[in-house]
Protein backbone atom coordinates (compact mmCIF):
# COMPACT_ATOMS: atom_id res chain seq x y z
CA MET A 1 178.88 3.62 110.55
CA GLU A 2 176.26 1.54 108.81
CA HIS A 3 174.15 1.94 111.83
CA LYS A 4 173.96 5.91 111.22
CA ASP A 5 173.38 5.17 107.36
CA ASP A 6 170.20 3.06 108.31
CA LYS A 7 168.91 5.86 110.68
CA LEU A 8 169.59 8.35 108.03
CA ARG A 9 167.65 6.27 105.44
CA ASP A 10 164.76 5.81 107.66
CA MET A 11 164.59 9.63 108.50
CA MET A 12 164.72 10.37 104.85
CA GLN A 13 161.95 7.79 104.28
CA MET A 14 159.75 9.61 106.98
CA ALA A 15 160.52 13.00 105.11
CA LYS A 16 159.24 11.83 101.88
CA ILE A 17 156.09 13.83 100.91
CA GLU A 18 153.22 12.09 99.19
CA LEU A 19 151.35 14.13 96.74
CA PRO A 20 147.64 14.34 97.12
CA PHE A 21 147.12 13.06 93.39
CA ASP A 22 149.43 12.43 90.45
CA ASP A 23 148.94 15.74 88.49
CA PHE A 24 149.06 18.07 91.65
CA GLU A 25 152.19 19.95 90.13
CA ASN A 26 150.59 20.46 86.84
CA ALA A 27 147.24 21.65 88.40
CA VAL A 28 149.06 24.14 90.72
CA MET A 29 151.04 25.51 87.73
CA MET A 30 147.96 25.66 85.54
CA ARG A 31 146.17 27.80 88.33
CA ILE A 32 149.18 30.08 88.46
CA GLU A 33 149.30 30.60 84.91
CA LYS A 34 145.63 31.35 84.88
CA LEU A 35 145.95 33.80 87.68
CA GLU A 36 148.72 35.62 85.60
CA GLN A 37 146.53 35.74 82.58
CA GLU A 38 143.64 37.24 84.88
CA LYS A 39 145.98 39.78 86.27
CA SER A 40 147.06 40.98 82.64
CA ALA A 41 143.18 41.09 81.71
CA VAL A 42 142.48 43.05 84.90
CA ALA A 43 145.30 45.65 84.10
CA LYS A 44 143.68 46.12 80.56
CA THR A 45 140.34 46.51 81.89
CA LYS A 46 141.52 49.18 84.32
CA ARG A 47 143.26 50.99 81.45
CA TYR A 48 140.00 51.00 79.53
CA ALA A 49 138.20 52.33 82.50
CA LEU A 50 140.66 55.31 82.88
CA ILE A 51 140.52 56.11 79.27
CA PHE A 52 136.63 56.06 79.19
CA PHE A 53 136.34 57.98 82.31
CA ALA A 54 138.66 60.67 81.00
CA SER A 55 136.81 60.86 77.62
CA GLY A 56 133.46 60.90 79.36
CA THR A 57 134.54 63.73 81.51
CA LEU A 58 135.69 65.75 78.60
CA PHE A 59 132.67 64.90 76.71
CA GLY A 60 130.24 66.09 79.60
CA LEU A 61 132.35 69.20 79.92
CA GLY A 62 131.88 70.03 76.33
CA LEU A 63 128.23 69.17 76.27
CA ASN A 64 127.75 71.56 79.27
CA TYR A 65 129.58 74.20 77.39
CA LEU A 66 127.51 73.67 74.09
CA LEU A 67 124.30 73.57 76.41
CA THR A 68 125.40 76.88 77.79
CA ASP A 69 125.68 78.59 74.47
CA LEU A 70 122.40 77.16 73.13
CA LEU A 71 120.50 78.30 76.21
CA TYR A 72 121.92 81.79 75.87
CA SER A 73 121.26 82.05 72.23
CA ILE A 74 117.38 81.06 72.99
CA SER A 75 115.15 83.75 74.09
CA LEU A 76 114.10 82.63 77.62
CA ASN A 77 114.01 84.51 80.89
CA THR A 78 117.16 84.70 82.85
CA ALA A 79 115.92 82.80 85.83
CA MET A 80 114.76 79.90 83.48
CA LYS A 81 118.21 79.79 81.84
CA ASN A 82 119.98 79.85 85.13
CA THR A 83 117.79 77.06 86.44
CA LEU A 84 118.34 74.94 83.39
CA LEU A 85 122.04 75.36 83.50
CA LEU A 86 122.39 74.77 87.30
CA ILE A 87 120.35 71.40 86.90
CA SER A 88 122.74 70.33 83.90
CA GLN A 89 125.75 71.24 85.82
CA ILE A 90 124.62 69.44 89.06
CA ILE A 91 123.72 66.17 87.06
CA TYR A 92 127.27 66.46 85.56
CA VAL A 93 128.94 66.87 88.76
CA LEU A 94 127.15 64.04 90.60
CA LEU A 95 127.90 61.62 87.52
CA ILE A 96 131.55 62.78 87.80
CA VAL A 97 131.63 62.14 91.64
CA LEU A 98 129.87 58.71 91.31
CA PHE A 99 132.16 57.47 88.42
CA CYS A 100 135.19 58.87 90.22
CA ASP A 101 134.17 56.74 93.22
CA LYS A 102 133.55 53.67 91.13
CA ALA A 103 137.08 54.03 89.26
CA LEU A 104 138.97 54.52 92.78
CA LYS A 105 137.26 51.40 93.94
CA LEU A 106 138.33 49.58 90.89
CA PHE A 107 141.87 50.67 91.32
CA LYS A 108 142.00 49.83 95.01
CA MET A 109 140.48 46.33 94.38
CA ARG A 110 142.84 43.55 94.74
CA ARG A 111 142.08 39.92 94.00
CA LYS A 112 142.85 37.58 96.91
CA PRO A 113 144.72 34.56 95.40
CA SER A 114 143.00 31.21 95.79
CA ILE A 115 146.07 28.95 95.90
């Protein structure tokens, strides 16, 4: 019986894990806490990005509407008015598409953990 206890004790000694350094557990826990803080900061940034994207879209839409009203009140020839309106709307659409692409990339982006 004692022979088995010695073998068991020897096996338990072999299974003992040595930590690389003394504060290994504390370092890992600090890293996990830091990742959690970064996740909440990224979520906040994503929320702000969505809010500013929506407000910029509405602002641009309103600006194009006001520009249309302004151009129709000015006495220019119709071709010139239409050209200016078309240029303004093309710039607006390009900006919306580019910023929409950036917003989608932001929301798809996932940070790979470094643990």
